[in-house]
Amino acid sequence: MNAWRKPYLIPVFFALALLVLGGVVMLLWNTLIPMITGWSAITYVQAIGLLALCRILFGGLRTPCAGGGWKSHYRSSAPWADPQKDLSEEERARLKAEWKRRCGPSDHC
């Protein structure tokens, strides 16, 4: 059995990742920011808080209830896939006419 399929390893992995990332944030902050801006150094707990704040502000909170589940981001169709592949010719013509009505005539529609 694959080691990552054991459910008790998931919290251990996240705890280990939090410990390592908190240390990296603290190390980078204390090395760069006081020298550049003159601000004070931070503690390990402040580094974890800063990491959580950045995740909330810039990464969003992806939960199973928001956005269709954890994997919905990865299940999106490829950008090169034809969104009209399942439409009949009549539906494509109707869609093209609707685009021309909304956007005006163009060469690429």
C-alpha atoms as a PDB file:
ATOM      1  CA  MET A   1       0.000   0.000   0.000  1.00  0.00           C
ATOM      2  CA  ASN A   2       1.212   3.458  -0.874  1.00  0.00           C
ATOM      3  CA  ALA A   3       2.419   5.349   2.231  1.00  0.00           C
ATOM      4  CA  TRP A   4       0.482   8.513   1.271  1.00  0.00           C
ATOM      5  CA  ARG A   5      -2.806   6.632   1.229  1.00  0.00           C
ATOM      6  CA  LYS A   6      -2.639   6.106   4.971  1.00  0.00           C
ATOM      7  CA  PRO A   7      -4.999   8.722   6.436  1.00  0.00           C
ATOM      8  CA  TYR A   8      -2.997   9.363   9.589  1.00  0.00           C
ATOM      9  CA  LEU A   9      -0.029  10.622   7.558  1.00  0.00           C
ATOM     10  CA  ILE A  10      -1.933  13.607   6.118  1.00  0.00           C
ATOM     11  CA  PRO A  11      -2.012  15.642   9.375  1.00  0.00           C
ATOM     12  CA  VAL A  12       1.614  14.722  10.025  1.00  0.00           C
ATOM     13  CA  PHE A  13       2.566  15.985   6.575  1.00  0.00           C
ATOM     14  CA  PHE A  14       0.698  19.286   7.048  1.00  0.00           C
ATOM     15  CA  ALA A  15       2.205  19.822  10.508  1.00  0.00           C
ATOM     16  CA  LEU A  16       5.679  19.172   9.143  1.00  0.00           C
ATOM     17  CA  ALA A  17       5.060  21.525   6.208  1.00  0.00           C
ATOM     18  CA  LEU A  18       3.836  24.241   8.590  1.00  0.00           C
ATOM     19  CA  LEU A  19       6.934  23.861  10.760  1.00  0.00           C
ATOM     20  CA  VAL A  20       9.301  24.034   7.804  1.00  0.00           C
ATOM     21  CA  LEU A  21       7.519  26.907   6.043  1.00  0.00           C
ATOM     22  CA  GLY A  22       7.299  28.899   9.280  1.00  0.00           C
ATOM     23  CA  GLY A  23      11.036  28.505   9.746  1.00  0.00           C
ATOM     24  CA  VAL A  24      11.734  29.556   6.163  1.00  0.00           C
ATOM     25  CA  VAL A  25       9.530  32.670   6.479  1.00  0.00           C
ATOM     26  CA  MET A  26      11.201  33.617   9.768  1.00  0.00           C
ATOM     27  CA  LEU A  27      14.677  33.100   8.332  1.00  0.00           C
ATOM     28  CA  LEU A  28      13.949  35.135   5.198  1.00  0.00           C
ATOM     29  CA  TRP A  29      12.231  37.944   7.126  1.00  0.00           C
ATOM     30  CA  ASN A  30      14.970  38.222   9.735  1.00  0.00           C
ATOM     31  CA  THR A  31      17.670  38.164   7.083  1.00  0.00           C
ATOM     32  CA  LEU A  32      16.185  40.674   4.653  1.00  0.00           C
ATOM     33  CA  ILE A  33      13.564  42.976   6.156  1.00  0.00           C
ATOM     34  CA  PRO A  34      15.484  44.503   9.110  1.00  0.00           C
ATOM     35  CA  MET A  35      18.385  45.309   6.800  1.00  0.00           C
ATOM     36  CA  ILE A  36      16.195  46.796   4.042  1.00  0.00           C
ATOM     37  CA  THR A  37      13.516  48.641   6.005  1.00  0.00           C
ATOM     38  CA  GLY A  38      14.808  48.870   9.562  1.00  0.00           C
ATOM     39  CA  TRP A  39      11.827  46.936  10.930  1.00  0.00           C
ATOM     40  CA  SER A  40      12.433  44.529  13.793  1.00  0.00           C
ATOM     41  CA  ALA A  41      12.975  40.787  13.532  1.00  0.00           C
ATOM     42  CA  ILE A  42      10.046  38.430  14.088  1.00  0.00           C
ATOM     43  CA  THR A  43       9.593  35.312  16.187  1.00  0.00           C
ATOM     44  CA  TYR A  44       8.688  31.852  14.919  1.00  0.00           C
ATOM     45  CA  VAL A  45       5.035  32.221  15.969  1.00  0.00           C
ATOM     46  CA  GLN A  46       4.831  35.595  14.179  1.00  0.00           C
ATOM     47  CA  ALA A  47       6.290  33.962  11.061  1.00  0.00           C
ATOM     48  CA  ILE A  48       3.558  31.310  11.083  1.00  0.00           C
ATOM     49  CA  GLY A  49       0.956  34.057  11.563  1.00  0.00           C
ATOM     50  CA  LEU A  50       2.442  36.002   8.653  1.00  0.00           C
ATOM     51  CA  LEU A  51       2.340  32.866   6.534  1.00  0.00           C
ATOM     52  CA  ALA A  52      -1.342  32.332   7.395  1.00  0.00           C
ATOM     53  CA  LEU A  53      -2.155  35.994   6.696  1.00  0.00           C
ATOM     54  CA  CYS A  54      -0.483  35.843   3.278  1.00  0.00           C
ATOM     55  CA  ARG A  55      -2.370  32.659   2.470  1.00  0.00           C
ATOM     56  CA  ILE A  56      -5.678  34.293   3.353  1.00  0.00           C
ATOM     57  CA  LEU A  57      -4.959  37.546   1.502  1.00  0.00           C
ATOM     58  CA  PHE A  58      -3.236  36.243  -1.607  1.00  0.00           C
ATOM     59  CA  GLY A  59      -4.041  32.533  -1.858  1.00  0.00           C
ATOM     60  CA  GLY A  60      -7.671  32.492  -0.871  1.00  0.00           C
ATOM     61  CA  LEU A  61      -9.358  29.855   1.219  1.00  0.00           C
ATOM     62  CA  ARG A  62     -10.104  26.831  -0.894  1.00  0.00           C
ATOM     63  CA  THR A  63     -12.442  24.558   0.966  1.00  0.00           C
ATOM     64  CA  PRO A  64     -14.481  21.593  -0.242  1.00  0.00           C
ATOM     65  CA  CYS A  65     -17.590  23.790  -0.178  1.00  0.00           C
ATOM     66  CA  ALA A  66     -16.121  26.736  -2.108  1.00  0.00           C
ATOM     67  CA  GLY A  67     -15.715  26.394  -5.832  1.00  0.00           C
ATOM     68  CA  GLY A  68     -16.795  22.805  -6.320  1.00  0.00           C
ATOM     69  CA  GLY A  69     -14.265  20.898  -4.267  1.00  0.00           C
ATOM     70  CA  TRP A  70     -10.539  20.591  -3.809  1.00  0.00           C
ATOM     71  CA  LYS A  71      -9.822  19.295  -7.285  1.00  0.00           C
ATOM     72  CA  SER A  72     -12.139  21.564  -9.300  1.00  0.00           C
ATOM     73  CA  HIS A  73      -9.214  23.852 -10.112  1.00  0.00           C
ATOM     74  CA  TYR A  74      -7.367  20.991 -11.784  1.00  0.00           C
ATOM     75  CA  ARG A  75     -10.369  19.559 -13.596  1.00  0.00           C
ATOM     76  CA  SER A  76     -10.988  22.654 -15.672  1.00  0.00           C
ATOM     77  CA  SER A  77     -10.831  22.145 -19.392  1.00  0.00           C
ATOM     78  CA  ALA A  78      -7.616  22.846 -21.182  1.00  0.00           C
ATOM     79  CA  PRO A  79      -7.342  26.368 -22.611  1.00  0.00           C
ATOM     80  CA  TRP A  80      -6.857  24.961 -26.102  1.00  0.00           C
ATOM     81  CA  ALA A  81      -9.925  22.722 -25.912  1.00  0.00           C
ATOM     82  CA  ASP A  82     -12.802  23.704 -28.178  1.00  0.00           C
ATOM     83  CA  PRO A  83     -15.691  24.907 -26.001  1.00  0.00           C
ATOM     84  CA  GLN A  84     -18.073  24.358 -28.923  1.00  0.00           C
ATOM     85  CA  LYS A  85     -17.108  20.751 -29.653  1.00  0.00           C
ATOM     86  CA  ASP A  86     -20.397  19.348 -28.360  1.00  0.00           C
ATOM     87  CA  LEU A  87     -22.624  21.860 -30.155  1.00  0.00           C
ATOM     88  CA  SER A  88     -24.516  21.062 -33.329  1.00  0.00           C
ATOM     89  CA  GLU A  89     -24.074  23.225 -36.428  1.00  0.00           C
ATOM     90  CA  GLU A  90     -27.390  24.946 -35.750  1.00  0.00           C
ATOM     91  CA  GLU A  91     -26.359  25.788 -32.181  1.00  0.00           C
ATOM     92  CA  ARG A  92     -22.983  27.106 -33.393  1.00  0.00           C
ATOM     93  CA  ALA A  93     -24.685  29.360 -35.958  1.00  0.00           C
ATOM     94  CA  ARG A  94     -27.097  30.661 -33.316  1.00  0.00           C
ATOM     95  CA  LEU A  95     -24.199  31.322 -30.910  1.00  0.00           C
ATOM     96  CA  LYS A  96     -22.225  33.123 -33.626  1.00  0.00           C
ATOM     97  CA  ALA A  97     -25.251  35.288 -34.452  1.00  0.00           C
ATOM     98  CA  GLU A  98     -25.625  36.147 -30.750  1.00  0.00           C
ATOM     99  CA  TRP A  99     -21.937  37.164 -30.577  1.00  0.00           C
ATOM    100  CA  LYS A 100     -22.376  39.416 -33.610  1.00  0.00           C
ATOM    101  CA  ARG A 101     -25.488  40.965 -32.082  1.00  0.00           C
ATOM    102  CA  ARG A 102     -23.719  41.714 -28.783  1.00  0.00           C
ATOM    103  CA  CYS A 103     -20.251  42.644 -30.026  1.00  0.00           C
ATOM    104  CA  GLY A 104     -20.860  43.850 -33.525  1.00  0.00           C
ATOM    105  CA  PRO A 105     -19.518  42.258 -36.672  1.00  0.00           C
ATOM    106  CA  SER A 106     -15.854  41.323 -36.641  1.00  0.00           C
ATOM    107  CA  ASP A 107     -13.497  39.308 -38.779  1.00  0.00           C
ATOM    108  CA  HIS A 108     -12.632  36.692 -36.180  1.00  0.00           C
ATOM    109  CA  CYS A 109     -16.196  35.736 -35.074  1.00  0.00           C
END
